[in-house]
Amino acid sequence: MYIRNGNILSLVSLAVVLGMPLAAHHGTAVSYDQSKSYSVKATVTEFRYANPHPSLYFDVKDEKGNVVHWSGEIAPNAAQLQQEGWGKKRSEAALAPGTEVTITLAPSRAGTNVGLINKIVGPTGESILGLTPLGAPAPGAETKQ
């Protein structure tokens, strides 16, 4: 019986350890307050097209005109962006350092300069990164026949 209980304990421990990374990624509800969404005018400083979620780093001027450094996780994952026509090269070109954008985000629950980016609009009002309703083609994206 001792060996059987030891095997069961080992299997349970293995399941817990292997399941931890899966639970760790899906923490957006814990990390960001999605009931509070607001927009900021920003200047892109860096964009990283990464999996599972691309990251954007940007500067925002506060009410006193001081530059505040922000970062954000882009809500759609890289695979969704590619499906909407926003591959790595196109995304990097649209979000090159110095690009002026308007970003709508859900703020960090910790009150830091981090957010979950839900929408990015370029200087002429165009949607950037194809952040459109699921299934709708991104502006400028090729439609599949």
C-alpha atoms as a PDB file:
ATOM      1  CA  MET A   1       0.000   0.000   0.000  1.00  0.00           C
ATOM      2  CA  TYR A   2       2.829   2.391   0.772  1.00  0.00           C
ATOM      3  CA  ILE A   3       4.165   2.132  -2.774  1.00  0.00           C
ATOM      4  CA  ARG A   4       0.720   2.655  -4.290  1.00  0.00           C
ATOM      5  CA  ASN A   5       0.110   5.789  -2.169  1.00  0.00           C
ATOM      6  CA  GLY A   6       3.564   7.056  -3.106  1.00  0.00           C
ATOM      7  CA  ASN A   7       2.790   6.608  -6.800  1.00  0.00           C
ATOM      8  CA  ILE A   8      -0.517   8.443  -6.432  1.00  0.00           C
ATOM      9  CA  LEU A   9       1.187  11.295  -4.595  1.00  0.00           C
ATOM     10  CA  SER A  10       3.835  11.475  -7.323  1.00  0.00           C
ATOM     11  CA  LEU A  11       1.201  11.617 -10.080  1.00  0.00           C
ATOM     12  CA  VAL A  12      -0.763  14.344  -8.293  1.00  0.00           C
ATOM     13  CA  SER A  13       2.415  16.370  -7.739  1.00  0.00           C
ATOM     14  CA  LEU A  14       3.388  15.981 -11.393  1.00  0.00           C
ATOM     15  CA  ALA A  15      -0.074  17.115 -12.535  1.00  0.00           C
ATOM     16  CA  VAL A  16       0.110  20.221 -10.328  1.00  0.00           C
ATOM     17  CA  VAL A  17       3.599  21.151 -11.543  1.00  0.00           C
ATOM     18  CA  LEU A  18       2.715  20.654 -15.221  1.00  0.00           C
ATOM     19  CA  GLY A  19      -0.545  22.589 -14.872  1.00  0.00           C
ATOM     20  CA  MET A  20       0.988  25.677 -13.276  1.00  0.00           C
ATOM     21  CA  PRO A  21       2.213  27.305 -16.527  1.00  0.00           C
ATOM     22  CA  LEU A  22      -1.250  26.958 -18.033  1.00  0.00           C
ATOM     23  CA  ALA A  23      -2.854  28.819 -15.141  1.00  0.00           C
ATOM     24  CA  ALA A  24      -0.120  31.448 -15.030  1.00  0.00           C
ATOM     25  CA  HIS A  25      -0.671  32.773 -18.555  1.00  0.00           C
ATOM     26  CA  HIS A  26      -4.368  33.485 -18.274  1.00  0.00           C
ATOM     27  CA  GLY A  27      -4.112  36.107 -15.564  1.00  0.00           C
ATOM     28  CA  THR A  28      -5.451  39.114 -17.486  1.00  0.00           C
ATOM     29  CA  ALA A  29      -8.601  39.338 -15.341  1.00  0.00           C
ATOM     30  CA  VAL A  30      -6.419  39.443 -12.258  1.00  0.00           C
ATOM     31  CA  SER A  31      -3.808  41.827 -13.688  1.00  0.00           C
ATOM     32  CA  TYR A  32      -5.995  44.358 -15.523  1.00  0.00           C
ATOM     33  CA  ASP A  33      -9.199  46.169 -14.579  1.00  0.00           C
ATOM     34  CA  GLN A  34     -11.267  45.651 -17.714  1.00  0.00           C
ATOM     35  CA  SER A  35     -14.204  47.574 -16.239  1.00  0.00           C
ATOM     36  CA  LYS A  36     -12.095  50.754 -16.618  1.00  0.00           C
ATOM     37  CA  SER A  37     -11.046  51.513 -20.152  1.00  0.00           C
ATOM     38  CA  TYR A  38      -9.486  54.779 -21.249  1.00  0.00           C
ATOM     39  CA  SER A  39      -7.569  56.220 -24.178  1.00  0.00           C
ATOM     40  CA  VAL A  40      -4.220  57.997 -24.258  1.00  0.00           C
ATOM     41  CA  LYS A  41      -2.278  59.763 -26.992  1.00  0.00           C
ATOM     42  CA  ALA A  42       1.136  58.128 -27.141  1.00  0.00           C
ATOM     43  CA  THR A  43       4.418  57.866 -29.010  1.00  0.00           C
ATOM     44  CA  VAL A  44       5.664  54.343 -29.711  1.00  0.00           C
ATOM     45  CA  THR A  45       9.128  53.634 -28.312  1.00  0.00           C
ATOM     46  CA  GLU A  46       9.305  49.866 -28.973  1.00  0.00           C
ATOM     47  CA  PHE A  47       7.145  47.044 -30.293  1.00  0.00           C
ATOM     48  CA  ARG A  48       7.786  43.341 -29.720  1.00  0.00           C
ATOM     49  CA  TYR A  49       5.871  40.859 -31.844  1.00  0.00           C
ATOM     50  CA  ALA A  50       5.921  37.924 -29.437  1.00  0.00           C
ATOM     51  CA  ASN A  51       3.857  34.891 -28.625  1.00  0.00           C
ATOM     52  CA  PRO A  52       1.422  34.603 -26.958  1.00  0.00           C
ATOM     53  CA  HIS A  53       0.833  38.385 -26.824  1.00  0.00           C
ATOM     54  CA  PRO A  54       2.777  41.169 -28.521  1.00  0.00           C
ATOM     55  CA  SER A  55       4.014  44.000 -26.294  1.00  0.00           C
ATOM     56  CA  LEU A  56       4.041  47.720 -26.956  1.00  0.00           C
ATOM     57  CA  TYR A  57       6.165  50.276 -25.132  1.00  0.00           C
ATOM     58  CA  PHE A  58       5.141  53.910 -25.430  1.00  0.00           C
ATOM     59  CA  ASP A  59       5.471  57.370 -23.926  1.00  0.00           C
ATOM     60  CA  VAL A  60       2.517  59.434 -22.717  1.00  0.00           C
ATOM     61  CA  LYS A  61       2.594  63.046 -21.513  1.00  0.00           C
ATOM     62  CA  ASP A  62       0.904  63.582 -18.159  1.00  0.00           C
ATOM     63  CA  GLU A  63      -1.215  66.637 -17.284  1.00  0.00           C
ATOM     64  CA  LYS A  64       1.977  68.599 -16.449  1.00  0.00           C
ATOM     65  CA  GLY A  65       3.617  67.739 -19.779  1.00  0.00           C
ATOM     66  CA  ASN A  66       6.075  65.245 -18.281  1.00  0.00           C
ATOM     67  CA  VAL A  67       6.816  62.136 -20.328  1.00  0.00           C
ATOM     68  CA  VAL A  68       5.680  58.937 -18.622  1.00  0.00           C
ATOM     69  CA  HIS A  69       6.886  55.545 -19.895  1.00  0.00           C
ATOM     70  CA  TRP A  70       4.178  52.890 -20.341  1.00  0.00           C
ATOM     71  CA  SER A  71       3.979  49.326 -21.569  1.00  0.00           C
ATOM     72  CA  GLY A  72       1.072  47.223 -22.668  1.00  0.00           C
ATOM     73  CA  GLU A  73       0.165  43.704 -23.594  1.00  0.00           C
ATOM     74  CA  ILE A  74      -1.846  43.593 -26.815  1.00  0.00           C
ATOM     75  CA  ALA A  75      -5.111  41.715 -26.242  1.00  0.00           C
ATOM     76  CA  PRO A  76      -5.246  39.619 -29.432  1.00  0.00           C
ATOM     77  CA  ASN A  77      -2.505  37.026 -29.550  1.00  0.00           C
ATOM     78  CA  ALA A  78       0.022  36.816 -32.392  1.00  0.00           C
ATOM     79  CA  ALA A  79      -1.886  34.029 -34.166  1.00  0.00           C
ATOM     80  CA  GLN A  80      -5.089  36.126 -34.222  1.00  0.00           C
ATOM     81  CA  LEU A  81      -3.174  39.117 -35.562  1.00  0.00           C
ATOM     82  CA  GLN A  82      -1.698  37.003 -38.360  1.00  0.00           C
ATOM     83  CA  GLN A  83      -5.152  35.698 -39.278  1.00  0.00           C
ATOM     84  CA  GLU A  84      -6.296  39.314 -39.640  1.00  0.00           C
ATOM     85  CA  GLY A  85      -3.400  40.184 -41.941  1.00  0.00           C
ATOM     86  CA  TRP A  86      -1.059  41.719 -39.362  1.00  0.00           C
ATOM     87  CA  GLY A  87       2.096  39.632 -39.631  1.00  0.00           C
ATOM     88  CA  LYS A  88       5.332  40.583 -37.938  1.00  0.00           C
ATOM     89  CA  LYS A  89       6.716  42.836 -40.719  1.00  0.00           C
ATOM     90  CA  ARG A  90       3.467  44.764 -41.205  1.00  0.00           C
ATOM     91  CA  SER A  91       2.971  45.207 -37.471  1.00  0.00           C
ATOM     92  CA  GLU A  92       6.538  46.382 -36.893  1.00  0.00           C
ATOM     93  CA  ALA A  93       6.227  48.882 -39.759  1.00  0.00           C
ATOM     94  CA  ALA A  94       2.916  50.265 -38.426  1.00  0.00           C
ATOM     95  CA  LEU A  95       4.297  50.576 -34.888  1.00  0.00           C
ATOM     96  CA  ALA A  96       7.815  51.812 -35.588  1.00  0.00           C
ATOM     97  CA  PRO A  97       9.449  53.921 -32.870  1.00  0.00           C
ATOM     98  CA  GLY A  98       8.247  57.514 -33.097  1.00  0.00           C
ATOM     99  CA  THR A  99       4.785  56.635 -34.443  1.00  0.00           C
ATOM    100  CA  GLU A 100       2.028  58.746 -32.889  1.00  0.00           C
ATOM    101  CA  VAL A 101      -0.979  56.633 -31.855  1.00  0.00           C
ATOM    102  CA  THR A 102      -4.073  56.674 -29.670  1.00  0.00           C
ATOM    103  CA  ILE A 103      -4.271  53.627 -27.420  1.00  0.00           C
ATOM    104  CA  THR A 104      -7.328  52.345 -25.591  1.00  0.00           C
ATOM    105  CA  LEU A 105      -6.399  50.131 -22.674  1.00  0.00           C
ATOM    106  CA  ALA A 106      -7.558  48.521 -19.472  1.00  0.00           C
ATOM    107  CA  PRO A 107      -5.261  49.710 -16.662  1.00  0.00           C
ATOM    108  CA  SER A 108      -3.215  47.583 -14.315  1.00  0.00           C
ATOM    109  CA  ARG A 109      -4.975  46.722 -11.053  1.00  0.00           C
ATOM    110  CA  ALA A 110      -1.665  47.473  -9.308  1.00  0.00           C
ATOM    111  CA  GLY A 111      -1.813  51.113 -10.432  1.00  0.00           C
ATOM    112  CA  THR A 112       1.391  50.884 -12.458  1.00  0.00           C
ATOM    113  CA  ASN A 113       2.001  52.269 -15.953  1.00  0.00           C
ATOM    114  CA  VAL A 114       0.975  49.000 -17.589  1.00  0.00           C
ATOM    115  CA  GLY A 115      -2.210  48.054 -19.391  1.00  0.00           C
ATOM    116  CA  LEU A 116      -4.040  45.572 -21.568  1.00  0.00           C
ATOM    117  CA  ILE A 117      -4.250  47.226 -24.994  1.00  0.00           C
ATOM    118  CA  ASN A 118      -7.614  46.748 -26.649  1.00  0.00           C
ATOM    119  CA  LYS A 119      -7.327  49.216 -29.527  1.00  0.00           C
ATOM    120  CA  ILE A 120      -4.643  51.174 -31.372  1.00  0.00           C
ATOM    121  CA  VAL A 121      -5.505  53.977 -33.788  1.00  0.00           C
ATOM    122  CA  GLY A 122      -2.935  55.643 -36.037  1.00  0.00           C
ATOM    123  CA  PRO A 123      -2.474  59.380 -36.611  1.00  0.00           C
ATOM    124  CA  THR A 124      -4.941  59.463 -39.522  1.00  0.00           C
ATOM    125  CA  GLY A 125      -7.620  57.460 -37.691  1.00  0.00           C
ATOM    126  CA  GLU A 126      -6.793  54.070 -39.182  1.00  0.00           C
ATOM    127  CA  SER A 127      -7.040  50.950 -37.039  1.00  0.00           C
ATOM    128  CA  ILE A 128      -3.595  49.496 -36.378  1.00  0.00           C
ATOM    129  CA  LEU A 129      -2.926  45.813 -35.859  1.00  0.00           C
ATOM    130  CA  GLY A 130      -6.346  44.838 -37.093  1.00  0.00           C
ATOM    131  CA  LEU A 131      -7.939  45.116 -33.668  1.00  0.00           C
ATOM    132  CA  THR A 132     -11.361  44.505 -35.140  1.00  0.00           C
ATOM    133  CA  PRO A 133     -14.252  42.344 -33.959  1.00  0.00           C
ATOM    134  CA  LEU A 134     -13.392  38.656 -34.256  1.00  0.00           C
ATOM    135  CA  GLY A 135     -14.054  37.460 -37.774  1.00  0.00           C
ATOM    136  CA  ALA A 136     -14.170  40.925 -39.365  1.00  0.00           C
ATOM    137  CA  PRO A 137     -11.321  41.639 -41.810  1.00  0.00           C
ATOM    138  CA  ALA A 138      -8.690  44.110 -40.707  1.00  0.00           C
ATOM    139  CA  PRO A 139      -8.499  47.377 -42.639  1.00  0.00           C
ATOM    140  CA  GLY A 140      -6.144  46.795 -45.555  1.00  0.00           C
ATOM    141  CA  ALA A 141      -5.989  43.043 -44.946  1.00  0.00           C
ATOM    142  CA  GLU A 142      -6.362  40.698 -47.848  1.00  0.00           C
ATOM    143  CA  THR A 143      -9.565  38.722 -47.686  1.00  0.00           C
ATOM    144  CA  LYS A 144      -9.399  34.978 -48.263  1.00  0.00           C
ATOM    145  CA  GLN A 145     -11.593  33.594 -51.028  1.00  0.00           C
END
